[in-house]
């Protein structure tokens, strides 16, 4: 299957998980952490790794743990390791990872999957993310949610190629 189709399938899988929450609330205990043997820690990157893996990309446990630290995901893409590469705003497509930089955290402190542009001129897009919320913490909120984000929140886009 072509990587573009695998990435699109990852979004479909992520959207099926919409509404999934960590149990108990505030524990960071999830099926994503369990899948990679690293439960009880912030899990947005492990959700992305799981969706990519279940869709058909090669994602080892080691890579999932690296992806879960969002600055490392961006560094790996920049180095073009593990089939990852950076993607510019004008080339982003469904299923690419989007790293976010929210106030108060590290430069890149959250990650999800790009779904679609809502208004490219204004920079608004839809994403699906693990460990976020509609009203609480955006980068440790405990649920899989669709979000409307803006380019001013994005630290970068990453494509998985194999």
N, C-alpha and C. Protein backbone atom coordinates (compact mmCIF):
# COMPACT_ATOMS: atom_id res chain seq x y z
N UNK A 1 0.84 -1.17 0.00
CA UNK A 1 0.00 0.00 0.00
C UNK A 1 0.89 1.25 0.00
N UNK A 2 0.51 2.25 -0.73
CA UNK A 2 1.25 3.50 -0.84
C UNK A 2 1.23 4.23 0.52
N UNK A 3 2.35 4.85 0.92
CA UNK A 3 2.40 5.57 2.20
C UNK A 3 1.28 6.60 2.38
N UNK A 4 0.87 7.26 1.31
CA UNK A 4 -0.22 8.24 1.40
C UNK A 4 -1.51 7.55 1.87
N UNK A 5 -1.76 6.34 1.36
CA UNK A 5 -2.96 5.61 1.75
C UNK A 5 -2.85 5.07 3.17
N UNK A 6 -1.65 4.66 3.56
CA UNK A 6 -1.45 4.19 4.94
C UNK A 6 -1.70 5.34 5.91
N UNK A 7 -1.18 6.52 5.59
CA UNK A 7 -1.36 7.68 6.46
C UNK A 7 -2.85 8.04 6.58
N UNK A 8 -3.56 8.00 5.47
CA UNK A 8 -5.00 8.30 5.51
C UNK A 8 -5.74 7.26 6.35
N UNK A 9 -5.32 6.01 6.25
CA UNK A 9 -5.93 4.95 7.06
C UNK A 9 -5.65 5.19 8.55
N UNK A 10 -4.48 5.72 8.89
CA UNK A 10 -4.16 6.04 10.28
C UNK A 10 -5.16 7.04 10.85
N UNK A 11 -5.56 8.03 10.05
CA UNK A 11 -6.55 9.00 10.50
C UNK A 11 -7.89 8.31 10.73
N UNK A 12 -8.28 7.43 9.84
CA UNK A 12 -9.53 6.68 10.02
C UNK A 12 -9.51 5.91 11.34
N UNK A 13 -8.40 5.25 11.62
CA UNK A 13 -8.26 4.51 12.88
C UNK A 13 -8.32 5.45 14.08
N UNK A 14 -7.65 6.59 13.97
CA UNK A 14 -7.66 7.57 15.06
C UNK A 14 -9.07 8.09 15.32
N UNK A 15 -9.80 8.38 14.26
CA UNK A 15 -11.15 8.89 14.43
C UNK A 15 -12.08 7.85 15.05
N UNK A 16 -11.81 6.58 14.82
CA UNK A 16 -12.57 5.52 15.49
C UNK A 16 -12.31 5.52 16.99
N UNK A 17 -11.14 6.01 17.40
CA UNK A 17 -10.80 6.08 18.83
C UNK A 17 -11.31 7.36 19.49
N UNK A 18 -11.92 8.25 18.70
CA UNK A 18 -12.41 9.51 19.26
C UNK A 18 -13.31 9.23 20.47
N UNK A 19 -13.06 9.92 21.56
CA UNK A 19 -13.82 9.73 22.79
C UNK A 19 -13.17 8.75 23.76
N UNK A 20 -12.17 8.00 23.31
CA UNK A 20 -11.45 7.08 24.19
C UNK A 20 -10.75 7.91 25.28
N UNK A 21 -10.78 7.42 26.53
CA UNK A 21 -10.14 8.14 27.63
C UNK A 21 -9.25 7.20 28.43
N UNK A 22 -8.26 7.80 29.07
CA UNK A 22 -7.41 7.03 29.98
C UNK A 22 -8.24 6.63 31.20
N UNK A 23 -7.90 5.49 31.76
CA UNK A 23 -8.65 4.97 32.90
C UNK A 23 -7.69 4.49 33.97
N UNK A 24 -7.84 4.99 35.20
CA UNK A 24 -8.75 6.04 35.66
C UNK A 24 -8.28 7.42 35.19
N UNK A 25 -9.18 8.40 35.21
CA UNK A 25 -8.80 9.75 34.77
C UNK A 25 -7.58 10.26 35.53
N UNK A 26 -6.67 10.89 34.79
CA UNK A 26 -5.46 11.46 35.37
C UNK A 26 -4.31 10.47 35.54
N UNK A 27 -4.52 9.22 35.15
CA UNK A 27 -3.51 8.17 35.36
C UNK A 27 -2.54 7.99 34.21
N UNK A 28 -2.91 8.47 33.02
CA UNK A 28 -2.14 8.21 31.80
C UNK A 28 -2.07 6.71 31.48
N UNK A 29 -2.99 5.91 32.00
CA UNK A 29 -3.06 4.48 31.69
C UNK A 29 -3.98 4.30 30.48
N UNK A 30 -3.41 3.79 29.39
CA UNK A 30 -4.15 3.65 28.13
C UNK A 30 -3.75 2.38 27.39
N UNK A 31 -4.56 2.06 26.40
CA UNK A 31 -4.21 0.94 25.52
C UNK A 31 -2.97 1.26 24.69
N UNK A 32 -2.71 2.53 24.45
CA UNK A 32 -1.54 2.93 23.66
C UNK A 32 -0.25 2.68 24.45
N UNK A 33 -0.26 3.08 25.70
CA UNK A 33 0.89 2.82 26.56
C UNK A 33 1.10 1.34 26.76
N UNK A 34 0.01 0.60 26.95
CA UNK A 34 0.11 -0.85 27.13
C UNK A 34 0.69 -1.51 25.89
N UNK A 35 0.29 -1.04 24.71
CA UNK A 35 0.77 -1.61 23.45
C UNK A 35 2.30 -1.55 23.35
N UNK A 36 2.87 -0.47 23.86
CA UNK A 36 4.32 -0.28 23.73
C UNK A 36 5.06 -0.50 25.05
N UNK A 37 4.38 -1.05 26.05
CA UNK A 37 5.03 -1.37 27.31
C UNK A 37 5.52 -0.15 28.08
N UNK A 38 4.82 0.97 27.94
CA UNK A 38 5.22 2.20 28.60
C UNK A 38 3.96 2.93 29.06
N UNK A 39 3.29 2.37 30.05
CA UNK A 39 2.03 2.93 30.50
C UNK A 39 2.24 3.89 31.65
N UNK A 40 1.26 4.79 31.86
CA UNK A 40 1.30 5.71 32.97
C UNK A 40 2.11 6.97 32.71
N UNK A 41 2.44 7.23 31.45
CA UNK A 41 3.18 8.44 31.08
C UNK A 41 2.37 9.19 30.03
N UNK A 42 2.63 10.50 29.82
CA UNK A 42 1.92 11.21 28.75
C UNK A 42 1.99 10.41 27.44
N UNK A 43 0.89 10.33 26.73
CA UNK A 43 0.75 9.32 25.68
C UNK A 43 0.34 9.84 24.31
N UNK A 44 0.40 11.13 24.06
CA UNK A 44 -0.01 11.63 22.73
C UNK A 44 0.81 11.01 21.61
N UNK A 45 2.13 10.91 21.80
CA UNK A 45 2.99 10.33 20.78
C UNK A 45 2.79 8.84 20.61
N UNK A 46 2.50 8.15 21.70
CA UNK A 46 2.24 6.70 21.58
C UNK A 46 0.94 6.45 20.83
N UNK A 47 -0.03 7.36 20.97
CA UNK A 47 -1.26 7.22 20.19
C UNK A 47 -0.95 7.36 18.70
N UNK A 48 -0.16 8.38 18.34
CA UNK A 48 0.24 8.56 16.93
C UNK A 48 0.98 7.32 16.44
N UNK A 49 1.93 6.83 17.23
CA UNK A 49 2.70 5.64 16.84
C UNK A 49 1.78 4.44 16.65
N UNK A 50 0.81 4.27 17.52
CA UNK A 50 -0.13 3.15 17.41
C UNK A 50 -0.98 3.26 16.15
N UNK A 51 -1.51 4.46 15.89
CA UNK A 51 -2.34 4.63 14.69
C UNK A 51 -1.53 4.37 13.43
N UNK A 52 -0.30 4.88 13.39
CA UNK A 52 0.56 4.62 12.23
C UNK A 52 0.85 3.13 12.10
N UNK A 53 1.17 2.48 13.19
CA UNK A 53 1.50 1.05 13.16
C UNK A 53 0.30 0.21 12.72
N UNK A 54 -0.85 0.45 13.32
CA UNK A 54 -2.05 -0.32 12.97
C UNK A 54 -2.47 -0.08 11.52
N UNK A 55 -2.12 1.10 10.97
CA UNK A 55 -2.45 1.41 9.58
C UNK A 55 -1.52 0.71 8.60
N UNK A 56 -0.30 0.32 9.06
CA UNK A 56 0.60 -0.40 8.18
C UNK A 56 2.03 0.12 8.11
N UNK A 57 2.35 1.21 8.84
CA UNK A 57 3.73 1.68 8.88
C UNK A 57 4.55 0.83 9.84
N UNK A 58 5.87 0.80 9.60
CA UNK A 58 6.80 0.12 10.52
C UNK A 58 7.05 1.04 11.71
N UNK A 59 6.59 0.62 12.88
CA UNK A 59 6.82 1.40 14.10
C UNK A 59 7.20 0.42 15.21
N UNK A 60 8.46 0.42 15.57
CA UNK A 60 8.94 -0.44 16.66
C UNK A 60 8.62 0.21 18.00
N UNK A 61 8.76 -0.58 19.06
CA UNK A 61 8.57 -0.04 20.41
C UNK A 61 9.54 1.11 20.65
N UNK A 62 10.79 0.92 20.24
CA UNK A 62 11.79 1.96 20.44
C UNK A 62 11.41 3.26 19.73
N UNK A 63 10.92 3.15 18.51
CA UNK A 63 10.51 4.35 17.78
C UNK A 63 9.30 5.00 18.46
N UNK A 64 8.35 4.20 18.91
CA UNK A 64 7.17 4.75 19.59
C UNK A 64 7.59 5.56 20.82
N UNK A 65 8.56 5.04 21.58
CA UNK A 65 9.01 5.76 22.77
C UNK A 65 9.74 7.04 22.40
N UNK A 66 10.45 7.04 21.28
CA UNK A 66 11.11 8.26 20.83
C UNK A 66 10.09 9.29 20.34
N UNK A 67 9.09 8.82 19.58
CA UNK A 67 8.04 9.70 19.08
C UNK A 67 7.30 10.35 20.24
N UNK A 68 7.15 9.62 21.34
CA UNK A 68 6.38 10.13 22.46
C UNK A 68 7.02 11.37 23.09
N UNK A 69 8.30 11.57 22.88
CA UNK A 69 8.95 12.82 23.30
C UNK A 69 8.98 13.69 22.04
N UNK A 70 8.06 14.62 21.95
CA UNK A 70 7.80 15.34 20.70
C UNK A 70 9.03 16.04 20.13
N UNK A 71 9.89 16.68 20.92
CA UNK A 71 11.10 17.26 20.32
C UNK A 71 11.96 16.20 19.60
N UNK A 72 11.96 14.98 20.11
CA UNK A 72 12.72 13.90 19.46
C UNK A 72 12.07 13.52 18.12
N UNK A 73 10.76 13.51 18.06
CA UNK A 73 10.07 13.25 16.79
C UNK A 73 10.53 14.25 15.74
N UNK A 74 10.57 15.52 16.10
CA UNK A 74 11.01 16.55 15.15
C UNK A 74 12.47 16.38 14.78
N UNK A 75 13.31 16.01 15.74
CA UNK A 75 14.74 15.80 15.46
C UNK A 75 14.94 14.61 14.53
N UNK A 76 14.22 13.52 14.76
CA UNK A 76 14.33 12.34 13.89
C UNK A 76 13.90 12.67 12.47
N UNK A 77 12.84 13.46 12.34
CA UNK A 77 12.37 13.86 11.00
C UNK A 77 13.43 14.70 10.30
N UNK A 78 14.00 15.64 11.03
CA UNK A 78 15.03 16.50 10.45
C UNK A 78 16.23 15.67 9.98
N UNK A 79 16.55 14.60 10.74
CA UNK A 79 17.66 13.72 10.39
C UNK A 79 17.24 12.65 9.37
N UNK A 80 15.96 12.61 9.05
CA UNK A 80 15.38 11.65 8.10
C UNK A 80 15.67 10.21 8.54
N UNK A 81 15.42 9.94 9.81
CA UNK A 81 15.61 8.60 10.36
C UNK A 81 14.26 7.91 10.53
N UNK A 82 14.28 6.59 10.48
CA UNK A 82 13.09 5.75 10.69
C UNK A 82 11.97 6.04 9.71
N UNK A 83 12.31 6.50 8.51
CA UNK A 83 11.28 6.79 7.51
C UNK A 83 10.50 8.06 7.80
N UNK A 84 11.04 8.92 8.65
CA UNK A 84 10.39 10.19 8.99
C UNK A 84 11.06 11.33 8.25
N UNK A 85 10.28 12.33 7.87
CA UNK A 85 10.85 13.52 7.25
C UNK A 85 9.95 14.72 7.55
N UNK A 86 10.56 15.91 7.64
CA UNK A 86 9.76 17.11 7.87
C UNK A 86 8.96 17.47 6.62
N UNK A 87 7.81 18.09 6.83
CA UNK A 87 6.95 18.49 5.72
C UNK A 87 6.52 19.93 5.96
N UNK A 88 6.58 20.74 4.92
CA UNK A 88 6.14 22.12 5.02
C UNK A 88 4.62 22.23 5.00
N UNK A 89 4.15 23.35 5.46
CA UNK A 89 2.71 23.63 5.53
C UNK A 89 2.00 23.41 4.19
N UNK A 90 2.65 23.76 3.11
CA UNK A 90 2.00 23.65 1.80
C UNK A 90 1.98 22.22 1.25
N UNK A 91 2.68 21.30 1.93
CA UNK A 91 2.71 19.91 1.46
C UNK A 91 2.06 18.94 2.45
N UNK A 92 1.62 19.45 3.62
CA UNK A 92 1.04 18.57 4.63
C UNK A 92 -0.20 17.88 4.07
N UNK A 93 -0.37 16.63 4.48
CA UNK A 93 -1.54 15.88 4.02
C UNK A 93 -2.09 15.01 5.15
N UNK A 94 -3.25 14.49 4.91
CA UNK A 94 -3.96 13.65 5.88
C UNK A 94 -3.04 12.54 6.40
N UNK A 95 -2.93 12.45 7.73
CA UNK A 95 -2.14 11.40 8.34
C UNK A 95 -0.72 11.79 8.71
N UNK A 96 -0.27 12.98 8.29
CA UNK A 96 1.02 13.46 8.75
C UNK A 96 0.89 13.84 10.22
N UNK A 97 1.96 13.67 10.98
CA UNK A 97 1.96 14.10 12.37
C UNK A 97 2.11 15.61 12.41
N UNK A 98 1.45 16.23 13.37
CA UNK A 98 1.63 17.66 13.60
C UNK A 98 2.04 17.84 15.05
N UNK A 99 3.22 18.44 15.23
CA UNK A 99 3.73 18.74 16.56
C UNK A 99 3.23 20.13 16.96
N UNK A 100 2.82 20.25 18.21
CA UNK A 100 2.28 21.51 18.71
C UNK A 100 3.19 22.10 19.78
N UNK A 101 3.17 23.42 19.84
CA UNK A 101 3.89 24.16 20.87
C UNK A 101 2.86 24.99 21.62
N UNK A 102 2.43 24.50 22.79
CA UNK A 102 1.48 25.24 23.60
C UNK A 102 2.22 26.06 24.65
N UNK A 103 1.67 27.19 25.06
CA UNK A 103 2.33 28.03 26.06
C UNK A 103 2.62 27.27 27.35
N UNK A 104 3.78 27.55 27.92
CA UNK A 104 4.13 26.99 29.22
C UNK A 104 4.90 25.69 29.20
N UNK A 105 5.06 25.10 28.03
CA UNK A 105 5.78 23.84 27.96
C UNK A 105 7.05 23.98 27.16
N UNK A 106 7.58 22.82 26.76
CA UNK A 106 8.76 22.83 25.89
C UNK A 106 8.38 23.40 24.54
N UNK A 107 9.36 23.56 23.69
CA UNK A 107 9.09 24.09 22.35
C UNK A 107 8.04 23.27 21.63
N UNK A 108 8.14 21.98 21.68
CA UNK A 108 7.12 21.10 21.11
C UNK A 108 6.67 20.16 22.22
N UNK A 109 5.41 20.27 22.62
CA UNK A 109 4.96 19.53 23.79
C UNK A 109 3.75 18.63 23.55
N UNK A 110 3.33 18.49 22.29
CA UNK A 110 2.15 17.67 22.00
C UNK A 110 2.18 17.28 20.52
N UNK A 111 1.52 16.16 20.18
CA UNK A 111 1.48 15.72 18.78
C UNK A 111 0.14 15.04 18.50
N UNK A 112 -0.30 15.18 17.26
CA UNK A 112 -1.50 14.51 16.78
C UNK A 112 -1.35 14.24 15.30
N UNK A 113 -2.45 13.87 14.66
CA UNK A 113 -2.45 13.63 13.21
C UNK A 113 -3.25 14.73 12.51
N UNK A 114 -2.70 15.22 11.42
CA UNK A 114 -3.39 16.20 10.58
C UNK A 114 -4.55 15.51 9.87
N UNK A 115 -5.73 16.12 9.92
CA UNK A 115 -6.91 15.57 9.25
C UNK A 115 -7.19 16.33 7.95
N UNK A 116 -7.35 17.66 8.06
CA UNK A 116 -7.68 18.45 6.87
C UNK A 116 -7.55 19.93 7.17
N UNK A 117 -7.40 20.70 6.11
CA UNK A 117 -7.44 22.16 6.23
C UNK A 117 -8.89 22.59 6.38
N UNK A 118 -9.12 23.51 7.25
CA UNK A 118 -10.44 24.14 7.37
C UNK A 118 -10.41 25.45 6.59
N UNK A 119 -9.38 26.23 6.82
CA UNK A 119 -9.15 27.48 6.09
C UNK A 119 -7.64 27.69 6.01
N UNK A 120 -7.07 27.30 4.89
CA UNK A 120 -5.61 27.35 4.74
C UNK A 120 -5.09 28.79 4.83
N UNK A 121 -5.84 29.74 4.30
CA UNK A 121 -5.40 31.14 4.33
C UNK A 121 -5.23 31.66 5.75
N UNK A 122 -6.16 31.29 6.62
CA UNK A 122 -6.07 31.75 8.01
C UNK A 122 -5.23 30.80 8.87
N UNK A 123 -4.90 29.62 8.30
CA UNK A 123 -4.07 28.66 9.02
C UNK A 123 -4.83 27.68 9.88
N UNK A 124 -6.15 27.63 9.75
CA UNK A 124 -6.97 26.73 10.57
C UNK A 124 -7.03 25.34 9.95
N UNK A 125 -6.83 24.31 10.81
CA UNK A 125 -6.91 22.93 10.35
C UNK A 125 -7.51 22.05 11.44
N UNK A 126 -7.94 20.88 11.02
CA UNK A 126 -8.48 19.88 11.95
C UNK A 126 -7.42 18.83 12.21
N UNK A 127 -7.32 18.40 13.45
CA UNK A 127 -6.42 17.32 13.82
C UNK A 127 -7.16 16.35 14.73
N UNK A 128 -6.59 15.15 14.88
CA UNK A 128 -7.08 14.20 15.86
C UNK A 128 -5.89 13.86 16.74
N UNK A 129 -6.11 13.91 18.05
CA UNK A 129 -5.01 13.84 19.00
C UNK A 129 -5.35 12.96 20.18
N UNK A 130 -4.35 12.30 20.71
CA UNK A 130 -4.50 11.58 21.96
C UNK A 130 -4.01 12.45 23.10
N UNK A 131 -4.56 12.19 24.30
CA UNK A 131 -4.15 12.89 25.53
C UNK A 131 -4.39 14.39 25.45
N UNK A 132 -5.56 14.76 24.96
CA UNK A 132 -5.96 16.16 24.88
C UNK A 132 -7.37 16.27 25.45
N UNK A 133 -7.95 17.45 25.41
CA UNK A 133 -9.33 17.62 25.85
C UNK A 133 -9.94 18.83 25.16
N UNK A 134 -11.23 18.92 25.23
CA UNK A 134 -11.93 20.06 24.65
C UNK A 134 -11.86 21.29 25.56
N UNK A 135 -11.86 21.08 26.89
CA UNK A 135 -11.93 22.21 27.81
C UNK A 135 -10.73 22.32 28.76
N UNK A 136 -10.00 21.25 28.96
CA UNK A 136 -8.90 21.27 29.92
C UNK A 136 -7.56 21.35 29.22
N UNK A 137 -6.60 20.59 29.75
CA UNK A 137 -5.25 20.59 29.21
C UNK A 137 -5.24 20.13 27.76
N UNK A 138 -4.56 20.89 26.93
CA UNK A 138 -4.46 20.54 25.52
C UNK A 138 -3.39 19.48 25.27
N UNK A 139 -2.41 19.37 26.19
CA UNK A 139 -1.31 18.44 25.97
C UNK A 139 -1.24 17.33 27.02
N UNK A 140 -2.23 17.26 27.91
CA UNK A 140 -2.29 16.17 28.88
C UNK A 140 -3.72 16.05 29.39
N UNK A 141 -4.67 16.01 28.45
CA UNK A 141 -6.08 16.06 28.79
C UNK A 141 -6.79 14.74 28.97
N UNK A 142 -6.14 13.63 28.60
CA UNK A 142 -6.70 12.33 28.91
C UNK A 142 -7.65 11.70 27.92
N UNK A 143 -7.85 12.31 26.75
CA UNK A 143 -8.83 11.75 25.80
C UNK A 143 -8.33 11.88 24.36
N UNK A 144 -8.91 11.06 23.49
CA UNK A 144 -8.71 11.20 22.05
C UNK A 144 -9.82 12.11 21.55
N UNK A 145 -9.43 13.21 20.93
CA UNK A 145 -10.40 14.22 20.48
C UNK A 145 -10.00 14.77 19.12
N UNK A 146 -11.00 15.20 18.36
CA UNK A 146 -10.76 16.05 17.19
C UNK A 146 -10.60 17.46 17.72
N UNK A 147 -9.67 18.18 17.11
CA UNK A 147 -9.44 19.56 17.53
C UNK A 147 -9.35 20.46 16.31
N UNK A 148 -9.73 21.71 16.49
CA UNK A 148 -9.49 22.74 15.48
C UNK A 148 -8.28 23.52 15.98
N UNK A 149 -7.23 23.52 15.20
CA UNK A 149 -5.98 24.17 15.58
C UNK A 149 -5.62 25.22 14.53
N UNK A 150 -4.61 26.01 14.87
CA UNK A 150 -4.12 27.03 13.96
C UNK A 150 -2.62 26.88 13.79
N UNK A 151 -2.11 27.31 12.67
CA UNK A 151 -0.68 27.22 12.38
C UNK A 151 0.18 27.89 13.45
N UNK A 152 -0.36 28.89 14.15
CA UNK A 152 0.45 29.53 15.19
C UNK A 152 0.69 28.61 16.38
N UNK A 153 0.01 27.47 16.43
CA UNK A 153 0.24 26.47 17.48
C UNK A 153 1.16 25.34 17.00
N UNK A 154 1.40 25.27 15.71
CA UNK A 154 2.15 24.15 15.13
C UNK A 154 3.65 24.41 15.18
N UNK A 155 4.40 23.42 15.69
CA UNK A 155 5.86 23.49 15.72
C UNK A 155 6.45 22.81 14.49
N UNK A 156 5.66 22.00 13.79
CA UNK A 156 6.13 21.33 12.59
C UNK A 156 5.27 20.14 12.21
N UNK A 157 5.42 19.73 10.96
CA UNK A 157 4.71 18.57 10.43
C UNK A 157 5.73 17.48 10.08
N UNK A 158 5.35 16.23 10.30
CA UNK A 158 6.25 15.11 10.05
C UNK A 158 5.49 14.04 9.26
N UNK A 159 6.13 13.55 8.22
CA UNK A 159 5.55 12.48 7.39
C UNK A 159 6.30 11.18 7.67
N UNK A 160 5.54 10.09 7.73
CA UNK A 160 6.11 8.73 7.83
C UNK A 160 6.05 8.15 6.43
N UNK A 161 7.20 7.62 5.96
CA UNK A 161 7.28 7.15 4.59
C UNK A 161 7.32 5.64 4.44
N UNK A 162 7.60 4.90 5.52
CA UNK A 162 7.63 3.45 5.38
C UNK A 162 7.19 2.78 6.67
